[in-house]
Amino acid sequence: MKRTSTVVWAAAGGACLALSVAFAAVSAGNPVEERQAAMKAVGQSMKEGAGINSAATFDAAKAKTIMESVAANAKKLHGLYPAGSDKDAKSEADPKIWENKADFDKRLTELGTLATTASKATTAEAYSPAYKAVGGTCKSCHDIYRTKKKS
């Protein structure tokens, strides 16, 4: 009877450990889904930013909010490209990211820095080139590190 009890407790302990590991994995989130959501947020912010990119439509408060969002998402994105996450079928990230992670991370940092600079613009004349620099950084990174969607 004692041996049966030990086996039952060992099995129960193993099941608890497995559930704990599974819960931790779920709690950690899915980096592919999280980075796609962050990238969509950046894209939406850039669309909004384009809408205020003229003297007639410029609003410094909106520019600040929009570009601060881009900067925050750029910072968040640094942690959303763990090794192996390119194997997820939903990933559009090119494996080149992991081959040249230092360059990729440098571009994310640059995106955040440029967005922070754009967030401080108080005139359309200052905002427009800053906004374009942010967009140029987005494009340069996508040109290298994003796979083309399959039709």
C-alpha atoms as a PDB file:
ATOM      1  CA  MET A   1       0.000   0.000   0.000  1.00  0.00           C
ATOM      2  CA  LYS A   2       2.853   2.366   0.814  1.00  0.00           C
ATOM      3  CA  ARG A   3       4.386   1.854  -2.672  1.00  0.00           C
ATOM      4  CA  THR A   4       1.036   2.606  -4.351  1.00  0.00           C
ATOM      5  CA  SER A   5       0.736   5.794  -2.304  1.00  0.00           C
ATOM      6  CA  THR A   6       4.220   6.901  -3.350  1.00  0.00           C
ATOM      7  CA  VAL A   7       3.451   6.268  -7.019  1.00  0.00           C
ATOM      8  CA  VAL A   8       0.172   8.196  -6.785  1.00  0.00           C
ATOM      9  CA  TRP A   9       1.869  11.167  -5.084  1.00  0.00           C
ATOM     10  CA  ALA A  10       4.710  11.112  -7.613  1.00  0.00           C
ATOM     11  CA  ALA A  11       2.215  11.088 -10.480  1.00  0.00           C
ATOM     12  CA  ALA A  12       0.228  13.899  -8.880  1.00  0.00           C
ATOM     13  CA  GLY A  13       3.414  15.908  -8.370  1.00  0.00           C
ATOM     14  CA  GLY A  14       4.387  15.345 -12.018  1.00  0.00           C
ATOM     15  CA  ALA A  15       0.951  16.439 -13.184  1.00  0.00           C
ATOM     16  CA  CYS A  16       1.169  19.594 -11.055  1.00  0.00           C
ATOM     17  CA  LEU A  17       4.592  20.353 -12.479  1.00  0.00           C
ATOM     18  CA  ALA A  18       3.324  19.868 -16.037  1.00  0.00           C
ATOM     19  CA  LEU A  19       0.353  22.149 -15.358  1.00  0.00           C
ATOM     20  CA  SER A  20       2.654  24.769 -13.829  1.00  0.00           C
ATOM     21  CA  VAL A  21       4.915  24.706 -16.892  1.00  0.00           C
ATOM     22  CA  ALA A  22       1.911  24.914 -19.224  1.00  0.00           C
ATOM     23  CA  PHE A  23       0.457  27.804 -17.214  1.00  0.00           C
ATOM     24  CA  ALA A  24       3.784  29.651 -17.295  1.00  0.00           C
ATOM     25  CA  ALA A  25       3.939  29.231 -21.067  1.00  0.00           C
ATOM     26  CA  VAL A  26       0.424  30.609 -21.478  1.00  0.00           C
ATOM     27  CA  SER A  27       1.147  33.435 -19.035  1.00  0.00           C
ATOM     28  CA  ALA A  28       4.262  34.378 -20.961  1.00  0.00           C
ATOM     29  CA  GLY A  29       2.136  34.970 -24.045  1.00  0.00           C
ATOM     30  CA  ASN A  30       2.889  34.283 -27.635  1.00  0.00           C
ATOM     31  CA  PRO A  31       5.756  36.454 -28.868  1.00  0.00           C
ATOM     32  CA  VAL A  32       4.631  36.152 -32.501  1.00  0.00           C
ATOM     33  CA  GLU A  33       1.126  37.391 -31.706  1.00  0.00           C
ATOM     34  CA  GLU A  34       2.477  40.087 -29.398  1.00  0.00           C
ATOM     35  CA  ARG A  35       4.979  41.400 -31.954  1.00  0.00           C
ATOM     36  CA  GLN A  36       2.353  41.352 -34.699  1.00  0.00           C
ATOM     37  CA  ALA A  37       0.031  43.362 -32.451  1.00  0.00           C
ATOM     38  CA  ALA A  38       2.840  45.820 -31.673  1.00  0.00           C
ATOM     39  CA  MET A  39       3.699  46.145 -35.375  1.00  0.00           C
ATOM     40  CA  LYS A  40       0.029  46.744 -36.223  1.00  0.00           C
ATOM     41  CA  ALA A  41      -0.071  49.426 -33.539  1.00  0.00           C
ATOM     42  CA  VAL A  42       3.017  51.068 -35.067  1.00  0.00           C
ATOM     43  CA  GLY A  43       1.395  50.892 -38.513  1.00  0.00           C
ATOM     44  CA  GLN A  44      -1.799  52.456 -37.188  1.00  0.00           C
ATOM     45  CA  SER A  45       0.183  55.183 -35.455  1.00  0.00           C
ATOM     46  CA  MET A  46       2.082  55.920 -38.667  1.00  0.00           C
ATOM     47  CA  LYS A  47      -1.223  56.238 -40.545  1.00  0.00           C
ATOM     48  CA  GLU A  48      -2.488  58.657 -37.911  1.00  0.00           C
ATOM     49  CA  GLY A  49       0.816  60.506 -38.063  1.00  0.00           C
ATOM     50  CA  ALA A  50       0.465  60.928 -41.822  1.00  0.00           C
ATOM     51  CA  GLY A  51      -2.897  62.572 -41.232  1.00  0.00           C
ATOM     52  CA  ILE A  52      -1.302  65.425 -39.295  1.00  0.00           C
ATOM     53  CA  ASN A  53       1.748  65.792 -41.531  1.00  0.00           C
ATOM     54  CA  SER A  54       0.921  69.200 -42.991  1.00  0.00           C
ATOM     55  CA  ALA A  55       0.679  72.755 -41.736  1.00  0.00           C
ATOM     56  CA  ALA A  56      -3.098  72.635 -42.150  1.00  0.00           C
ATOM     57  CA  THR A  57      -3.597  69.460 -40.076  1.00  0.00           C
ATOM     58  CA  PHE A  58      -0.665  69.471 -37.624  1.00  0.00           C
ATOM     59  CA  ASP A  59      -1.525  69.087 -33.948  1.00  0.00           C
ATOM     60  CA  ALA A  60       1.441  68.980 -31.555  1.00  0.00           C
ATOM     61  CA  ALA A  61      -0.482  67.124 -28.849  1.00  0.00           C
ATOM     62  CA  LYS A  62      -1.551  64.419 -31.318  1.00  0.00           C
ATOM     63  CA  ALA A  63       1.981  64.190 -32.718  1.00  0.00           C
ATOM     64  CA  LYS A  64       3.315  63.674 -29.210  1.00  0.00           C
ATOM     65  CA  THR A  65       0.805  60.924 -28.414  1.00  0.00           C
ATOM     66  CA  ILE A  66       1.241  59.166 -31.755  1.00  0.00           C
ATOM     67  CA  MET A  67       5.026  59.184 -31.760  1.00  0.00           C
ATOM     68  CA  GLU A  68       5.266  58.236 -28.087  1.00  0.00           C
ATOM     69  CA  SER A  69       3.184  55.172 -28.982  1.00  0.00           C
ATOM     70  CA  VAL A  70       5.604  54.292 -31.789  1.00  0.00           C
ATOM     71  CA  ALA A  71       8.571  54.703 -29.418  1.00  0.00           C
ATOM     72  CA  ALA A  72       6.943  52.549 -26.733  1.00  0.00           C
ATOM     73  CA  ASN A  73       6.149  49.796 -29.224  1.00  0.00           C
ATOM     74  CA  ALA A  74       9.689  49.915 -30.641  1.00  0.00           C
ATOM     75  CA  LYS A  75      11.014  49.359 -27.127  1.00  0.00           C
ATOM     76  CA  LYS A  76       8.538  46.528 -26.509  1.00  0.00           C
ATOM     77  CA  LEU A  77       9.479  44.820 -29.787  1.00  0.00           C
ATOM     78  CA  HIS A  78      13.049  44.207 -28.602  1.00  0.00           C
ATOM     79  CA  GLY A  79      11.843  41.395 -26.350  1.00  0.00           C
ATOM     80  CA  LEU A  80       9.438  39.804 -28.816  1.00  0.00           C
ATOM     81  CA  TYR A  81      11.910  38.053 -31.109  1.00  0.00           C
ATOM     82  CA  PRO A  82      13.214  35.170 -28.999  1.00  0.00           C
ATOM     83  CA  ALA A  83      15.224  32.448 -30.715  1.00  0.00           C
ATOM     84  CA  GLY A  84      12.985  29.909 -32.452  1.00  0.00           C
ATOM     85  CA  SER A  85       9.938  32.161 -32.746  1.00  0.00           C
ATOM     86  CA  ASP A  86      10.551  32.397 -36.491  1.00  0.00           C
ATOM     87  CA  LYS A  87       9.390  28.774 -36.743  1.00  0.00           C
ATOM     88  CA  ASP A  88       5.793  29.759 -35.905  1.00  0.00           C
ATOM     89  CA  ALA A  89       3.638  29.362 -39.019  1.00  0.00           C
ATOM     90  CA  LYS A  90       2.023  32.756 -38.396  1.00  0.00           C
ATOM     91  CA  SER A  91       5.362  34.562 -38.318  1.00  0.00           C
ATOM     92  CA  GLU A  92       6.173  36.991 -41.134  1.00  0.00           C
ATOM     93  CA  ALA A  93       9.583  37.713 -39.661  1.00  0.00           C
ATOM     94  CA  ASP A  94      12.438  36.764 -41.926  1.00  0.00           C
ATOM     95  CA  PRO A  95      14.989  34.345 -40.405  1.00  0.00           C
ATOM     96  CA  LYS A  96      17.606  37.006 -41.244  1.00  0.00           C
ATOM     97  CA  ILE A  97      16.535  38.711 -37.993  1.00  0.00           C
ATOM     98  CA  TRP A  98      18.163  35.981 -35.951  1.00  0.00           C
ATOM     99  CA  GLU A  99      21.159  35.801 -38.287  1.00  0.00           C
ATOM    100  CA  ASN A 100      21.878  39.506 -37.729  1.00  0.00           C
ATOM    101  CA  LYS A 101      20.119  40.260 -34.455  1.00  0.00           C
ATOM    102  CA  ALA A 102      22.503  43.106 -33.578  1.00  0.00           C
ATOM    103  CA  ASP A 103      21.556  45.041 -36.726  1.00  0.00           C
ATOM    104  CA  PHE A 104      17.864  44.322 -36.194  1.00  0.00           C
ATOM    105  CA  ASP A 105      18.011  45.518 -32.586  1.00  0.00           C
ATOM    106  CA  LYS A 106      19.953  48.618 -33.680  1.00  0.00           C
ATOM    107  CA  ARG A 107      17.153  49.457 -36.128  1.00  0.00           C
ATOM    108  CA  LEU A 108      14.486  49.040 -33.424  1.00  0.00           C
ATOM    109  CA  THR A 109      16.476  51.343 -31.150  1.00  0.00           C
ATOM    110  CA  GLU A 110      16.787  53.873 -33.984  1.00  0.00           C
ATOM    111  CA  LEU A 111      13.032  53.681 -34.563  1.00  0.00           C
ATOM    112  CA  GLY A 112      12.390  54.482 -30.919  1.00  0.00           C
ATOM    113  CA  THR A 113      14.896  57.327 -30.890  1.00  0.00           C
ATOM    114  CA  LEU A 114      13.501  58.905 -34.057  1.00  0.00           C
ATOM    115  CA  ALA A 115       9.926  58.541 -32.810  1.00  0.00           C
ATOM    116  CA  THR A 116      10.879  60.213 -29.529  1.00  0.00           C
ATOM    117  CA  THR A 117      12.418  63.082 -31.492  1.00  0.00           C
ATOM    118  CA  ALA A 118       9.274  63.378 -33.645  1.00  0.00           C
ATOM    119  CA  SER A 119       7.127  63.416 -30.491  1.00  0.00           C
ATOM    120  CA  LYS A 120       8.823  66.641 -29.411  1.00  0.00           C
ATOM    121  CA  ALA A 121       7.936  68.559 -32.579  1.00  0.00           C
ATOM    122  CA  THR A 122       5.880  71.668 -31.936  1.00  0.00           C
ATOM    123  CA  THR A 123       5.439  72.751 -35.553  1.00  0.00           C
ATOM    124  CA  ALA A 124       4.577  71.041 -38.816  1.00  0.00           C
ATOM    125  CA  GLU A 125       7.942  72.198 -40.179  1.00  0.00           C
ATOM    126  CA  ALA A 126       9.736  70.235 -37.452  1.00  0.00           C
ATOM    127  CA  TYR A 127       7.335  67.282 -37.448  1.00  0.00           C
ATOM    128  CA  SER A 128       7.281  66.522 -41.165  1.00  0.00           C
ATOM    129  CA  PRO A 129      10.964  65.581 -41.603  1.00  0.00           C
ATOM    130  CA  ALA A 130      10.991  63.792 -38.238  1.00  0.00           C
ATOM    131  CA  TYR A 131       7.907  61.783 -39.226  1.00  0.00           C
ATOM    132  CA  LYS A 132       9.503  60.915 -42.585  1.00  0.00           C
ATOM    133  CA  ALA A 133      12.659  59.702 -40.821  1.00  0.00           C
ATOM    134  CA  VAL A 134      10.545  57.373 -38.662  1.00  0.00           C
ATOM    135  CA  GLY A 135       8.810  56.038 -41.767  1.00  0.00           C
ATOM    136  CA  GLY A 136      12.134  55.566 -43.530  1.00  0.00           C
ATOM    137  CA  THR A 137      13.419  53.474 -40.646  1.00  0.00           C
ATOM    138  CA  CYS A 138      10.273  51.334 -40.719  1.00  0.00           C
ATOM    139  CA  LYS A 139      10.680  50.776 -44.451  1.00  0.00           C
ATOM    140  CA  SER A 140      14.388  49.971 -44.286  1.00  0.00           C
ATOM    141  CA  CYS A 141      13.787  47.326 -41.650  1.00  0.00           C
ATOM    142  CA  HIS A 142      10.832  45.794 -43.500  1.00  0.00           C
ATOM    143  CA  ASP A 143      12.844  45.710 -46.728  1.00  0.00           C
ATOM    144  CA  ILE A 144      15.441  43.508 -45.037  1.00  0.00           C
ATOM    145  CA  TYR A 145      13.669  41.639 -42.240  1.00  0.00           C
ATOM    146  CA  ARG A 146      10.085  40.984 -43.284  1.00  0.00           C
ATOM    147  CA  THR A 147       9.097  38.144 -45.549  1.00  0.00           C
ATOM    148  CA  LYS A 148       6.634  38.880 -48.300  1.00  0.00           C
ATOM    149  CA  LYS A 149       3.111  37.636 -47.615  1.00  0.00           C
ATOM    150  CA  LYS A 150       2.158  34.562 -49.561  1.00  0.00           C
ATOM    151  CA  SER A 151      -0.818  35.073 -51.849  1.00  0.00           C
END
